[in-house]
Amino acid sequence: MTSNEGCGNKIGPYDCCTIVTGDARLLAKAIPNESVDLIFTDPVYDRIEDYRWLAETADRILTTKGALLCFCGIGYQEDVQAALRAGGRPVHWILPIVYSAGNTPRFHPLGFAKWGMLLWAGGEPVTAFCDAQISKFEKHGDTHEWHKNTKPILSYLRAFCPNSGVVLDFFCGKGSVQVGCKMLGRHYLAFEIIPEVAERARERVRNTQSPLFVLAPEQLEFDSEP
């Protein structure tokens, strides 16, 4: 088990603002009850039991108003929503992310927009937000297989996590959520089971500039991708 830079705070036995290598199912057992403001994560889409586990764990560790945001494959949405509900989390909304080339949406040859799905289960937003986001479509290249663009993540972090809040990511992959947290000055804790992927995520976070101060929403610039 290894971690990266800390911020001096603790979440149970873990240093805050770190990426920890290990199995999330085991590591999560040490997280205190009602200690997390937002779970924002990207599970492997066909592992439906992971979504059920997410919902059960969220009920224990989230604060009263805490929310669970999780990416989901479009073809698995019915099974995932059933798993979240079985685990005790009501699914409020599907938050579509429409992928674009430049500033225009990308379209399927048959006329359908290319889009991804983010499920919002339980909890309440702390600010108003747009429930659909446009994100640049990125080729994987040397990024992680399920790499996500930071732009929509920034928007939802601001909407669902207060300035002093804590964001937990059980399956951090390349670290897009953690990059967003660092850009906005949010505390985070992340788990990643594959050591080399965890280290790439740490490197990406280290190369992200911390804010000198937290910008007001209208001052934020979302066009750059770290």
C-alpha atoms as a PDB file:
ATOM      1  CA  MET A   1       0.000   0.000   0.000  1.00  0.00           C
ATOM      2  CA  THR A   2       1.478   3.327  -1.016  1.00  0.00           C
ATOM      3  CA  SER A   3       0.246   6.881  -1.182  1.00  0.00           C
ATOM      4  CA  ASN A   4       1.281  10.241  -2.594  1.00  0.00           C
ATOM      5  CA  GLU A   5       1.493  13.779  -1.173  1.00  0.00           C
ATOM      6  CA  GLY A   6      -0.774  14.409   1.841  1.00  0.00           C
ATOM      7  CA  CYS A   7      -2.365  17.610   3.089  1.00  0.00           C
ATOM      8  CA  GLY A   8      -1.947  16.954   6.804  1.00  0.00           C
ATOM      9  CA  ASN A   9      -5.557  15.870   7.477  1.00  0.00           C
ATOM     10  CA  LYS A  10      -6.711  12.308   8.096  1.00  0.00           C
ATOM     11  CA  ILE A  11      -9.690  10.204   7.024  1.00  0.00           C
ATOM     12  CA  GLY A  12      -9.586   7.391   9.526  1.00  0.00           C
ATOM     13  CA  PRO A  13      -6.128   5.806   9.154  1.00  0.00           C
ATOM     14  CA  TYR A  14      -5.528   7.386   5.732  1.00  0.00           C
ATOM     15  CA  ASP A  15      -3.770  10.637   4.934  1.00  0.00           C
ATOM     16  CA  CYS A  16      -6.090  13.022   3.141  1.00  0.00           C
ATOM     17  CA  CYS A  17      -5.201  13.998  -0.459  1.00  0.00           C
ATOM     18  CA  THR A  18      -3.540  10.671  -1.219  1.00  0.00           C
ATOM     19  CA  ILE A  19      -3.973   7.827  -3.681  1.00  0.00           C
ATOM     20  CA  VAL A  20      -3.690   4.484  -1.901  1.00  0.00           C
ATOM     21  CA  THR A  21      -2.838   1.248  -3.708  1.00  0.00           C
ATOM     22  CA  GLY A  22      -5.057  -1.660  -2.747  1.00  0.00           C
ATOM     23  CA  ASP A  23      -8.463  -3.336  -2.985  1.00  0.00           C
ATOM     24  CA  ALA A  24     -11.190  -0.747  -2.318  1.00  0.00           C
ATOM     25  CA  ARG A  25     -13.461  -3.346  -0.712  1.00  0.00           C
ATOM     26  CA  LEU A  26     -10.868  -3.983   1.967  1.00  0.00           C
ATOM     27  CA  LEU A  27      -9.553  -0.439   2.347  1.00  0.00           C
ATOM     28  CA  ALA A  28     -13.041   1.030   2.732  1.00  0.00           C
ATOM     29  CA  LYS A  29     -13.651  -0.886   5.953  1.00  0.00           C
ATOM     30  CA  ALA A  30     -11.379   1.565   7.818  1.00  0.00           C
ATOM     31  CA  ILE A  31     -13.209   4.703   6.641  1.00  0.00           C
ATOM     32  CA  PRO A  32     -15.233   6.206   9.520  1.00  0.00           C
ATOM     33  CA  ASN A  33     -18.999   6.519   9.349  1.00  0.00           C
ATOM     34  CA  GLU A  34     -20.373   9.771   7.908  1.00  0.00           C
ATOM     35  CA  SER A  35     -16.906  11.113   7.070  1.00  0.00           C
ATOM     36  CA  VAL A  36     -17.214  11.692   3.297  1.00  0.00           C
ATOM     37  CA  ASP A  37     -19.163  14.412   1.456  1.00  0.00           C
ATOM     38  CA  LEU A  38     -19.067  12.956  -2.054  1.00  0.00           C
ATOM     39  CA  ILE A  39     -18.260   9.593  -3.603  1.00  0.00           C
ATOM     40  CA  PHE A  40     -17.266  10.196  -7.227  1.00  0.00           C
ATOM     41  CA  THR A  41     -16.003   7.101  -9.001  1.00  0.00           C
ATOM     42  CA  ASP A  42     -15.795   5.098 -12.232  1.00  0.00           C
ATOM     43  CA  PRO A  43     -16.293   1.333 -11.668  1.00  0.00           C
ATOM     44  CA  VAL A  44     -15.785  -1.363 -14.277  1.00  0.00           C
ATOM     45  CA  TYR A  45     -19.157  -1.206 -16.002  1.00  0.00           C
ATOM     46  CA  ASP A  46     -20.003  -4.918 -16.171  1.00  0.00           C
ATOM     47  CA  ARG A  47     -19.220  -5.593 -12.496  1.00  0.00           C
ATOM     48  CA  ILE A  48     -22.743  -4.972 -11.283  1.00  0.00           C
ATOM     49  CA  GLU A  49     -22.017  -6.239  -7.766  1.00  0.00           C
ATOM     50  CA  ASP A  50     -19.495  -3.411  -7.373  1.00  0.00           C
ATOM     51  CA  TYR A  51     -22.340  -0.926  -7.790  1.00  0.00           C
ATOM     52  CA  ARG A  52     -24.387  -2.705  -5.130  1.00  0.00           C
ATOM     53  CA  TRP A  53     -21.364  -2.608  -2.816  1.00  0.00           C
ATOM     54  CA  LEU A  54     -20.900   1.087  -3.613  1.00  0.00           C
ATOM     55  CA  ALA A  55     -24.462   1.839  -2.552  1.00  0.00           C
ATOM     56  CA  GLU A  56     -24.159  -0.132   0.686  1.00  0.00           C
ATOM     57  CA  THR A  57     -20.841   1.488   1.557  1.00  0.00           C
ATOM     58  CA  ALA A  58     -22.138   4.952   0.651  1.00  0.00           C
ATOM     59  CA  ASP A  59     -24.963   4.592   3.164  1.00  0.00           C
ATOM     60  CA  ARG A  60     -22.389   4.131   5.920  1.00  0.00           C
ATOM     61  CA  ILE A  61     -19.644   6.622   5.091  1.00  0.00           C
ATOM     62  CA  LEU A  62     -21.467   9.541   3.447  1.00  0.00           C
ATOM     63  CA  THR A  63     -22.650  12.523   5.447  1.00  0.00           C
ATOM     64  CA  THR A  64     -26.395  13.154   5.700  1.00  0.00           C
ATOM     65  CA  LYS A  65     -26.446  15.238   2.514  1.00  0.00           C
ATOM     66  CA  GLY A  66     -23.623  13.354   0.786  1.00  0.00           C
ATOM     67  CA  ALA A  67     -24.117  12.094  -2.776  1.00  0.00           C
ATOM     68  CA  LEU A  68     -22.833   9.197  -4.852  1.00  0.00           C
ATOM     69  CA  LEU A  69     -21.840   9.946  -8.467  1.00  0.00           C
ATOM     70  CA  CYS A  70     -20.735   6.975 -10.549  1.00  0.00           C
ATOM     71  CA  PHE A  71     -20.086   6.498 -14.242  1.00  0.00           C
ATOM     72  CA  CYS A  72     -22.048   3.737 -15.929  1.00  0.00           C
ATOM     73  CA  GLY A  73     -22.031   2.059 -19.316  1.00  0.00           C
ATOM     74  CA  ILE A  74     -25.158   2.844 -21.313  1.00  0.00           C
ATOM     75  CA  GLY A  75     -25.843  -0.833 -21.938  1.00  0.00           C
ATOM     76  CA  TYR A  76     -25.706  -1.624 -18.215  1.00  0.00           C
ATOM     77  CA  GLN A  77     -27.851   1.223 -16.891  1.00  0.00           C
ATOM     78  CA  GLU A  78     -30.902  -0.839 -15.931  1.00  0.00           C
ATOM     79  CA  ASP A  79     -28.838  -3.398 -13.998  1.00  0.00           C
ATOM     80  CA  VAL A  80     -26.737  -0.680 -12.354  1.00  0.00           C
ATOM     81  CA  GLN A  81     -29.760   1.340 -11.246  1.00  0.00           C
ATOM     82  CA  ALA A  82     -31.337  -1.814  -9.805  1.00  0.00           C
ATOM     83  CA  ALA A  83     -28.107  -2.601  -7.946  1.00  0.00           C
ATOM     84  CA  LEU A  84     -27.905   0.917  -6.493  1.00  0.00           C
ATOM     85  CA  ARG A  85     -31.512   0.762  -5.333  1.00  0.00           C
ATOM     86  CA  ALA A  86     -31.009  -2.702  -3.842  1.00  0.00           C
ATOM     87  CA  GLY A  87     -28.059  -1.288  -1.924  1.00  0.00           C
ATOM     88  CA  GLY A  88     -30.263   1.434  -0.495  1.00  0.00           C
ATOM     89  CA  ARG A  89     -29.504   4.442  -2.751  1.00  0.00           C
ATOM     90  CA  PRO A  90     -32.313   6.138  -4.691  1.00  0.00           C
ATOM     91  CA  VAL A  91     -31.201   7.101  -8.197  1.00  0.00           C
ATOM     92  CA  HIS A  92     -32.179  10.740  -8.681  1.00  0.00           C
ATOM     93  CA  TRP A  93     -31.003  11.466 -12.191  1.00  0.00           C
ATOM     94  CA  ILE A  94     -28.943  10.401 -15.165  1.00  0.00           C
ATOM     95  CA  LEU A  95     -26.376  13.115 -15.925  1.00  0.00           C
ATOM     96  CA  PRO A  96     -25.415  12.858 -19.618  1.00  0.00           C
ATOM     97  CA  ILE A  97     -21.961  13.855 -20.825  1.00  0.00           C
ATOM     98  CA  VAL A  98     -22.038  14.614 -24.559  1.00  0.00           C
ATOM     99  CA  TYR A  99     -18.651  14.165 -26.197  1.00  0.00           C
ATOM    100  CA  SER A 100     -17.507  16.733 -28.717  1.00  0.00           C
ATOM    101  CA  ALA A 101     -14.793  17.487 -31.244  1.00  0.00           C
ATOM    102  CA  GLY A 102     -13.731  21.032 -30.431  1.00  0.00           C
ATOM    103  CA  ASN A 103     -16.886  22.908 -29.436  1.00  0.00           C
ATOM    104  CA  THR A 104     -19.407  20.838 -31.380  1.00  0.00           C
ATOM    105  CA  PRO A 105     -21.026  17.509 -30.383  1.00  0.00           C
ATOM    106  CA  ARG A 106     -19.824  14.357 -32.124  1.00  0.00           C
ATOM    107  CA  PHE A 107     -22.502  12.324 -33.868  1.00  0.00           C
ATOM    108  CA  HIS A 108     -22.835   8.658 -34.658  1.00  0.00           C
ATOM    109  CA  PRO A 109     -23.214   7.833 -38.392  1.00  0.00           C
ATOM    110  CA  LEU A 110     -26.824   6.905 -37.665  1.00  0.00           C
ATOM    111  CA  GLY A 111     -27.460  10.299 -36.114  1.00  0.00           C
ATOM    112  CA  PHE A 112     -27.019   9.588 -32.397  1.00  0.00           C
ATOM    113  CA  ALA A 113     -24.738  11.830 -30.321  1.00  0.00           C
ATOM    114  CA  LYS A 114     -21.796  10.129 -28.659  1.00  0.00           C
ATOM    115  CA  TRP A 115     -22.421  10.407 -24.931  1.00  0.00           C
ATOM    116  CA  GLY A 116     -21.568   8.905 -21.579  1.00  0.00           C
ATOM    117  CA  MET A 117     -23.652   8.379 -18.476  1.00  0.00           C
ATOM    118  CA  LEU A 118     -23.128   9.549 -14.910  1.00  0.00           C
ATOM    119  CA  LEU A 119     -25.606   8.362 -12.265  1.00  0.00           C
ATOM    120  CA  TRP A 120     -26.509  10.535  -9.291  1.00  0.00           C
ATOM    121  CA  ALA A 121     -27.706   8.452  -6.348  1.00  0.00           C
ATOM    122  CA  GLY A 122     -28.790   9.849  -2.988  1.00  0.00           C
ATOM    123  CA  GLY A 123     -27.685  13.085  -1.380  1.00  0.00           C
ATOM    124  CA  GLU A 124     -28.175  16.704  -2.367  1.00  0.00           C
ATOM    125  CA  PRO A 125     -26.179  19.203  -4.447  1.00  0.00           C
ATOM    126  CA  VAL A 126     -24.716  22.148  -2.549  1.00  0.00           C
ATOM    127  CA  THR A 127     -25.032  24.523  -5.524  1.00  0.00           C
ATOM    128  CA  ALA A 128     -27.076  24.695  -8.717  1.00  0.00           C
ATOM    129  CA  PHE A 129     -25.626  22.845 -11.692  1.00  0.00           C
ATOM    130  CA  CYS A 130     -26.237  22.010 -15.327  1.00  0.00           C
ATOM    131  CA  ASP A 131     -27.340  18.386 -15.552  1.00  0.00           C
ATOM    132  CA  ALA A 132     -25.765  17.843 -18.988  1.00  0.00           C
ATOM    133  CA  GLN A 133     -22.132  18.552 -19.823  1.00  0.00           C
ATOM    134  CA  ILE A 134     -20.169  18.753 -23.077  1.00  0.00           C
ATOM    135  CA  SER A 135     -16.744  17.140 -22.922  1.00  0.00           C
ATOM    136  CA  LYS A 136     -13.984  16.860 -25.503  1.00  0.00           C
ATOM    137  CA  PHE A 137     -13.756  13.401 -27.014  1.00  0.00           C
ATOM    138  CA  GLU A 138     -10.246  12.070 -26.354  1.00  0.00           C
ATOM    139  CA  LYS A 139      -8.399   9.181 -27.897  1.00  0.00           C
ATOM    140  CA  HIS A 140      -6.905   6.950 -25.246  1.00  0.00           C
ATOM    141  CA  GLY A 141      -3.300   7.290 -26.462  1.00  0.00           C
ATOM    142  CA  ASP A 142      -1.043   6.837 -23.452  1.00  0.00           C
ATOM    143  CA  THR A 143      -3.878   7.535 -21.011  1.00  0.00           C
ATOM    144  CA  HIS A 144      -5.670   4.939 -18.927  1.00  0.00           C
ATOM    145  CA  GLU A 145      -8.206   2.814 -20.794  1.00  0.00           C
ATOM    146  CA  TRP A 146     -11.175   4.474 -19.058  1.00  0.00           C
ATOM    147  CA  HIS A 147      -9.688   7.961 -18.799  1.00  0.00           C
ATOM    148  CA  LYS A 148     -12.236  10.774 -18.321  1.00  0.00           C
ATOM    149  CA  ASN A 149     -11.882  14.409 -19.337  1.00  0.00           C
ATOM    150  CA  THR A 150     -11.615  16.762 -16.344  1.00  0.00           C
ATOM    151  CA  LYS A 151     -14.062  19.425 -17.607  1.00  0.00           C
ATOM    152  CA  PRO A 152     -17.378  17.784 -16.556  1.00  0.00           C
ATOM    153  CA  ILE A 153     -15.746  16.452 -13.386  1.00  0.00           C
ATOM    154  CA  LEU A 154     -14.925  20.012 -12.293  1.00  0.00           C
ATOM    155  CA  SER A 155     -18.532  21.042 -12.735  1.00  0.00           C
ATOM    156  CA  TYR A 156     -19.926  18.196 -10.644  1.00  0.00           C
ATOM    157  CA  LEU A 157     -17.268  18.550  -7.948  1.00  0.00           C
ATOM    158  CA  ARG A 158     -18.303  22.175  -7.463  1.00  0.00           C
ATOM    159  CA  ALA A 159     -21.982  21.206  -7.402  1.00  0.00           C
ATOM    160  CA  PHE A 160     -21.827  18.270  -4.992  1.00  0.00           C
ATOM    161  CA  CYS A 161     -18.872  18.945  -2.681  1.00  0.00           C
ATOM    162  CA  PRO A 162     -18.530  22.004  -0.406  1.00  0.00           C
ATOM    163  CA  ASN A 163     -15.224  23.892  -0.379  1.00  0.00           C
ATOM    164  CA  SER A 164     -14.062  22.126   2.785  1.00  0.00           C
ATOM    165  CA  GLY A 165     -15.559  18.762   1.826  1.00  0.00           C
ATOM    166  CA  VAL A 166     -13.977  15.356   1.221  1.00  0.00           C
ATOM    167  CA  VAL A 167     -14.271  13.420  -2.072  1.00  0.00           C
ATOM    168  CA  LEU A 168     -13.720   9.648  -2.139  1.00  0.00           C
ATOM    169  CA  ASP A 169     -12.922   7.703  -5.316  1.00  0.00           C
ATOM    170  CA  PHE A 170     -12.850   3.912  -4.951  1.00  0.00           C
ATOM    171  CA  PHE A 171     -11.582   3.207  -8.495  1.00  0.00           C
ATOM    172  CA  CYS A 172      -9.409   6.179  -9.402  1.00  0.00           C
ATOM    173  CA  GLY A 173      -7.799   4.947 -12.636  1.00  0.00           C
ATOM    174  CA  LYS A 174      -5.726   7.749 -14.202  1.00  0.00           C
ATOM    175  CA  GLY A 175      -6.807  10.218 -11.516  1.00  0.00           C
ATOM    176  CA  SER A 176      -9.163  12.640 -13.281  1.00  0.00           C
ATOM    177  CA  VAL A 177     -11.301  13.144 -10.158  1.00  0.00           C
ATOM    178  CA  GLN A 178      -8.189  13.776  -8.052  1.00  0.00           C
ATOM    179  CA  VAL A 179      -6.857  16.281 -10.592  1.00  0.00           C
ATOM    180  CA  GLY A 180     -10.194  18.093 -10.416  1.00  0.00           C
ATOM    181  CA  CYS A 181     -10.058  18.103  -6.613  1.00  0.00           C
ATOM    182  CA  LYS A 182      -6.585  19.609  -6.628  1.00  0.00           C
ATOM    183  CA  MET A 183      -7.595  22.253  -9.159  1.00  0.00           C
ATOM    184  CA  LEU A 184     -10.534  23.287  -6.958  1.00  0.00           C
ATOM    185  CA  GLY A 185      -8.822  22.906  -3.596  1.00  0.00           C
ATOM    186  CA  ARG A 186     -11.067  20.004  -2.451  1.00  0.00           C
ATOM    187  CA  HIS A 187      -9.798  17.266  -0.117  1.00  0.00           C
ATOM    188  CA  TYR A 188      -9.825  13.742  -1.522  1.00  0.00           C
ATOM    189  CA  LEU A 189      -8.971  10.117  -0.849  1.00  0.00           C
ATOM    190  CA  ALA A 190      -8.612   7.599  -3.687  1.00  0.00           C
ATOM    191  CA  PHE A 191      -8.001   3.873  -4.048  1.00  0.00           C
ATOM    192  CA  GLU A 192      -6.558   2.038  -7.054  1.00  0.00           C
ATOM    193  CA  ILE A 193      -5.844  -1.681  -7.096  1.00  0.00           C
ATOM    194  CA  ILE A 194      -3.274  -1.722  -9.947  1.00  0.00           C
ATOM    195  CA  PRO A 195       0.081  -0.318  -8.703  1.00  0.00           C
ATOM    196  CA  GLU A 196       1.332   1.067 -12.022  1.00  0.00           C
ATOM    197  CA  VAL A 197      -2.000   2.782 -12.712  1.00  0.00           C
ATOM    198  CA  ALA A 198      -1.990   4.277  -9.207  1.00  0.00           C
ATOM    199  CA  GLU A 199       1.502   5.679  -9.753  1.00  0.00           C
ATOM    200  CA  ARG A 200       0.525   7.246 -13.068  1.00  0.00           C
ATOM    201  CA  ALA A 201      -2.420   8.893 -11.316  1.00  0.00           C
ATOM    202  CA  ARG A 202      -0.112  10.251  -8.591  1.00  0.00           C
ATOM    203  CA  GLU A 203       2.225  11.665 -11.205  1.00  0.00           C
ATOM    204  CA  ARG A 204      -0.665  13.365 -12.963  1.00  0.00           C
ATOM    205  CA  VAL A 205      -1.844  14.919  -9.698  1.00  0.00           C
ATOM    206  CA  ARG A 206       1.690  16.057  -8.837  1.00  0.00           C
ATOM    207  CA  ASN A 207       1.872  17.816 -12.221  1.00  0.00           C
ATOM    208  CA  THR A 208      -1.397  19.671 -11.561  1.00  0.00           C
ATOM    209  CA  GLN A 209      -1.126  23.204 -10.165  1.00  0.00           C
ATOM    210  CA  SER A 210      -2.866  23.829  -6.842  1.00  0.00           C
ATOM    211  CA  PRO A 211      -4.993  26.993  -6.781  1.00  0.00           C
ATOM    212  CA  LEU A 212      -3.538  30.067  -5.076  1.00  0.00           C
ATOM    213  CA  PHE A 213      -7.127  30.666  -3.953  1.00  0.00           C
ATOM    214  CA  VAL A 214     -10.466  29.061  -4.769  1.00  0.00           C
ATOM    215  CA  LEU A 215     -12.096  30.856  -7.680  1.00  0.00           C
ATOM    216  CA  ALA A 216     -15.736  31.823  -7.788  1.00  0.00           C
ATOM    217  CA  PRO A 217     -17.699  29.751 -10.345  1.00  0.00           C
ATOM    218  CA  GLU A 218     -17.890  32.558 -12.893  1.00  0.00           C
ATOM    219  CA  GLN A 219     -14.092  32.963 -12.751  1.00  0.00           C
ATOM    220  CA  LEU A 220     -13.236  29.355 -13.510  1.00  0.00           C
ATOM    221  CA  GLU A 221     -11.811  28.484 -16.931  1.00  0.00           C
ATOM    222  CA  PHE A 222     -12.644  24.944 -18.016  1.00  0.00           C
ATOM    223  CA  ASP A 223     -11.131  24.832 -21.484  1.00  0.00           C
ATOM    224  CA  SER A 224      -7.703  23.557 -20.433  1.00  0.00           C
ATOM    225  CA  GLU A 225      -7.149  19.858 -19.812  1.00  0.00           C
ATOM    226  CA  PRO A 226      -4.204  18.906 -17.542  1.00  0.00           C
END
